[in-house]
Amino acid sequence: MKYEVIIYWSSADNAFIAEVPELPGCMADGPTKIKALAAIERVAKAWIETATELGRPIPTPRGKLSYA
């Protein structure tokens, strides 16, 4: 996956959260950073597949975001 992924700890969820900012709403969690990263890979793939099926645009990966 060529999209930027942001991973952070959430005390409220008691888990690491992984987000793909370029794919709105694309988030996953896991008990470790590695598991959160593996989960976001699956979720991002599903996000892209669903958007494709619905005929919605898929953002082009921009690389590192300046605000992250």
N, C-alpha and C. Protein backbone atom coordinates (compact mmCIF):
# COMPACT_ATOMS: atom_id res chain seq x y z
N MET A 1 0.84 -1.17 0.00
CA MET A 1 0.00 0.00 0.00
C MET A 1 0.89 1.24 0.00
N LYS A 2 0.57 2.19 -0.83
CA LYS A 2 1.41 3.38 -0.98
C LYS A 2 0.85 4.60 -0.26
N TYR A 3 -0.23 4.43 0.47
CA TYR A 3 -0.80 5.53 1.23
C TYR A 3 -0.10 5.70 2.57
N GLU A 4 -0.07 6.93 3.04
CA GLU A 4 0.49 7.19 4.36
C GLU A 4 -0.42 6.58 5.42
N VAL A 5 0.18 5.98 6.44
CA VAL A 5 -0.56 5.41 7.56
C VAL A 5 -0.07 6.10 8.83
N ILE A 6 -1.01 6.54 9.64
CA ILE A 6 -0.68 7.14 10.93
C ILE A 6 -1.13 6.16 12.01
N ILE A 7 -0.21 5.84 12.94
CA ILE A 7 -0.52 4.91 14.02
C ILE A 7 -0.30 5.63 15.35
N TYR A 8 -1.28 5.50 16.24
CA TYR A 8 -1.16 6.13 17.56
C TYR A 8 -1.90 5.29 18.60
N TRP A 9 -1.54 5.50 19.86
CA TRP A 9 -2.18 4.79 20.95
C TRP A 9 -3.44 5.54 21.37
N SER A 10 -4.52 4.80 21.59
CA SER A 10 -5.77 5.37 22.08
C SER A 10 -6.07 4.77 23.45
N SER A 11 -5.99 5.59 24.49
CA SER A 11 -6.32 5.11 25.84
C SER A 11 -7.80 4.74 25.93
N ALA A 12 -8.64 5.51 25.24
CA ALA A 12 -10.09 5.24 25.27
C ALA A 12 -10.41 3.87 24.70
N ASP A 13 -9.68 3.46 23.66
CA ASP A 13 -9.92 2.16 23.02
C ASP A 13 -9.01 1.07 23.56
N ASN A 14 -8.00 1.48 24.32
CA ASN A 14 -6.99 0.55 24.83
C ASN A 14 -6.38 -0.26 23.69
N ALA A 15 -6.05 0.46 22.61
CA ALA A 15 -5.50 -0.19 21.41
C ALA A 15 -4.74 0.84 20.58
N PHE A 16 -3.91 0.34 19.68
CA PHE A 16 -3.28 1.20 18.70
C PHE A 16 -4.27 1.41 17.57
N ILE A 17 -4.37 2.64 17.10
CA ILE A 17 -5.27 3.00 16.00
C ILE A 17 -4.40 3.31 14.78
N ALA A 18 -4.78 2.78 13.65
CA ALA A 18 -4.10 3.07 12.39
C ALA A 18 -5.11 3.75 11.47
N GLU A 19 -4.69 4.85 10.86
CA GLU A 19 -5.56 5.61 9.96
C GLU A 19 -4.86 5.84 8.62
N VAL A 20 -5.64 5.88 7.55
CA VAL A 20 -5.15 6.31 6.23
C VAL A 20 -5.88 7.62 5.94
N PRO A 21 -5.24 8.77 6.19
CA PRO A 21 -5.92 10.05 6.05
C PRO A 21 -6.49 10.32 4.65
N GLU A 22 -5.87 9.77 3.62
CA GLU A 22 -6.33 10.02 2.26
C GLU A 22 -7.58 9.22 1.88
N LEU A 23 -7.93 8.23 2.70
CA LEU A 23 -9.12 7.42 2.45
C LEU A 23 -10.10 7.71 3.60
N PRO A 24 -11.05 8.61 3.39
CA PRO A 24 -11.94 9.05 4.48
C PRO A 24 -12.59 7.89 5.23
N GLY A 25 -12.44 7.94 6.56
CA GLY A 25 -13.05 6.92 7.41
C GLY A 25 -12.29 5.61 7.48
N CYS A 26 -11.14 5.52 6.83
CA CYS A 26 -10.38 4.27 6.79
C CYS A 26 -9.51 4.18 8.03
N MET A 27 -9.98 3.37 9.00
CA MET A 27 -9.29 3.20 10.27
C MET A 27 -9.37 1.74 10.70
N ALA A 28 -8.40 1.32 11.49
CA ALA A 28 -8.39 -0.02 12.07
C ALA A 28 -7.66 0.06 13.41
N ASP A 29 -7.78 -0.99 14.20
CA ASP A 29 -7.07 -1.00 15.47
C ASP A 29 -6.43 -2.36 15.71
N GLY A 30 -5.61 -2.40 16.74
CA GLY A 30 -4.96 -3.64 17.12
C GLY A 30 -4.27 -3.48 18.45
N PRO A 31 -3.98 -4.59 19.13
CA PRO A 31 -3.33 -4.52 20.43
C PRO A 31 -1.85 -4.12 20.35
N THR A 32 -1.27 -4.25 19.15
CA THR A 32 0.12 -3.82 18.93
C THR A 32 0.18 -2.99 17.66
N LYS A 33 1.28 -2.27 17.48
CA LYS A 33 1.45 -1.47 16.26
C LYS A 33 1.45 -2.38 15.03
N ILE A 34 2.11 -3.51 15.13
CA ILE A 34 2.19 -4.43 13.99
C ILE A 34 0.81 -4.96 13.61
N LYS A 35 0.00 -5.31 14.62
CA LYS A 35 -1.34 -5.82 14.32
C LYS A 35 -2.25 -4.72 13.79
N ALA A 36 -2.09 -3.51 14.28
CA ALA A 36 -2.87 -2.38 13.75
C ALA A 36 -2.49 -2.12 12.30
N LEU A 37 -1.21 -2.22 11.99
CA LEU A 37 -0.75 -2.01 10.61
C LEU A 37 -1.28 -3.11 9.69
N ALA A 38 -1.25 -4.35 10.15
CA ALA A 38 -1.80 -5.46 9.35
C ALA A 38 -3.29 -5.27 9.12
N ALA A 39 -4.00 -4.81 10.15
CA ALA A 39 -5.43 -4.61 10.02
C ALA A 39 -5.75 -3.48 9.04
N ILE A 40 -4.97 -2.39 9.08
CA ILE A 40 -5.27 -1.27 8.18
C ILE A 40 -4.98 -1.65 6.73
N GLU A 41 -4.04 -2.55 6.50
CA GLU A 41 -3.79 -3.03 5.14
C GLU A 41 -5.05 -3.71 4.59
N ARG A 42 -5.67 -4.55 5.41
CA ARG A 42 -6.90 -5.24 4.98
C ARG A 42 -8.05 -4.26 4.80
N VAL A 43 -8.20 -3.33 5.73
CA VAL A 43 -9.30 -2.37 5.67
C VAL A 43 -9.14 -1.43 4.48
N ALA A 44 -7.92 -0.98 4.21
CA ALA A 44 -7.69 -0.08 3.07
C ALA A 44 -7.99 -0.81 1.76
N LYS A 45 -7.61 -2.06 1.67
CA LYS A 45 -7.90 -2.84 0.46
C LYS A 45 -9.42 -2.94 0.26
N ALA A 46 -10.14 -3.24 1.34
CA ALA A 46 -11.60 -3.32 1.27
C ALA A 46 -12.21 -1.97 0.93
N TRP A 47 -11.66 -0.88 1.47
CA TRP A 47 -12.13 0.47 1.18
C TRP A 47 -12.03 0.74 -0.32
N ILE A 48 -10.88 0.43 -0.89
CA ILE A 48 -10.64 0.67 -2.31
C ILE A 48 -11.55 -0.21 -3.17
N GLU A 49 -11.69 -1.48 -2.80
CA GLU A 49 -12.56 -2.39 -3.55
C GLU A 49 -14.02 -1.90 -3.53
N THR A 50 -14.48 -1.48 -2.37
CA THR A 50 -15.86 -0.99 -2.25
C THR A 50 -16.07 0.28 -3.05
N ALA A 51 -15.13 1.22 -2.94
CA ALA A 51 -15.25 2.47 -3.71
C ALA A 51 -15.26 2.18 -5.21
N THR A 52 -14.45 1.24 -5.65
CA THR A 52 -14.40 0.86 -7.06
C THR A 52 -15.75 0.28 -7.50
N GLU A 53 -16.30 -0.63 -6.69
CA GLU A 53 -17.60 -1.23 -7.01
C GLU A 53 -18.71 -0.19 -7.09
N LEU A 54 -18.62 0.85 -6.26
CA LEU A 54 -19.65 1.89 -6.23
C LEU A 54 -19.39 3.01 -7.24
N GLY A 55 -18.28 2.90 -7.96
CA GLY A 55 -17.94 3.91 -8.95
C GLY A 55 -17.45 5.22 -8.36
N ARG A 56 -16.95 5.16 -7.14
CA ARG A 56 -16.43 6.37 -6.48
C ARG A 56 -14.95 6.54 -6.79
N PRO A 57 -14.47 7.78 -6.79
CA PRO A 57 -13.06 8.01 -7.10
C PRO A 57 -12.13 7.47 -6.01
N ILE A 58 -10.99 6.98 -6.45
CA ILE A 58 -9.95 6.49 -5.54
C ILE A 58 -8.85 7.54 -5.51
N PRO A 59 -8.55 8.13 -4.35
CA PRO A 59 -7.49 9.13 -4.29
C PRO A 59 -6.14 8.54 -4.69
N THR A 60 -5.36 9.32 -5.39
CA THR A 60 -4.00 8.93 -5.73
C THR A 60 -3.12 9.13 -4.51
N PRO A 61 -2.29 8.15 -4.15
CA PRO A 61 -1.41 8.32 -2.99
C PRO A 61 -0.51 9.55 -3.17
N ARG A 62 -0.45 10.38 -2.14
CA ARG A 62 0.37 11.60 -2.20
C ARG A 62 1.70 11.44 -1.49
N GLY A 63 1.87 10.36 -0.78
CA GLY A 63 3.09 10.23 0.01
C GLY A 63 2.92 10.92 1.33
N LYS A 64 3.99 11.43 1.90
CA LYS A 64 3.93 12.06 3.21
C LYS A 64 3.09 13.34 3.15
N LEU A 65 2.16 13.44 4.10
CA LEU A 65 1.32 14.62 4.19
C LEU A 65 2.02 15.68 5.03
N SER A 66 1.89 16.92 4.67
CA SER A 66 2.60 17.98 5.37
C SER A 66 2.02 18.28 6.74
N TYR A 67 0.76 17.94 6.99
CA TYR A 67 0.16 18.26 8.28
C TYR A 67 0.25 17.12 9.29
N ALA A 68 0.72 15.96 8.86
CA ALA A 68 0.75 14.81 9.77
C ALA A 68 1.95 14.87 10.68
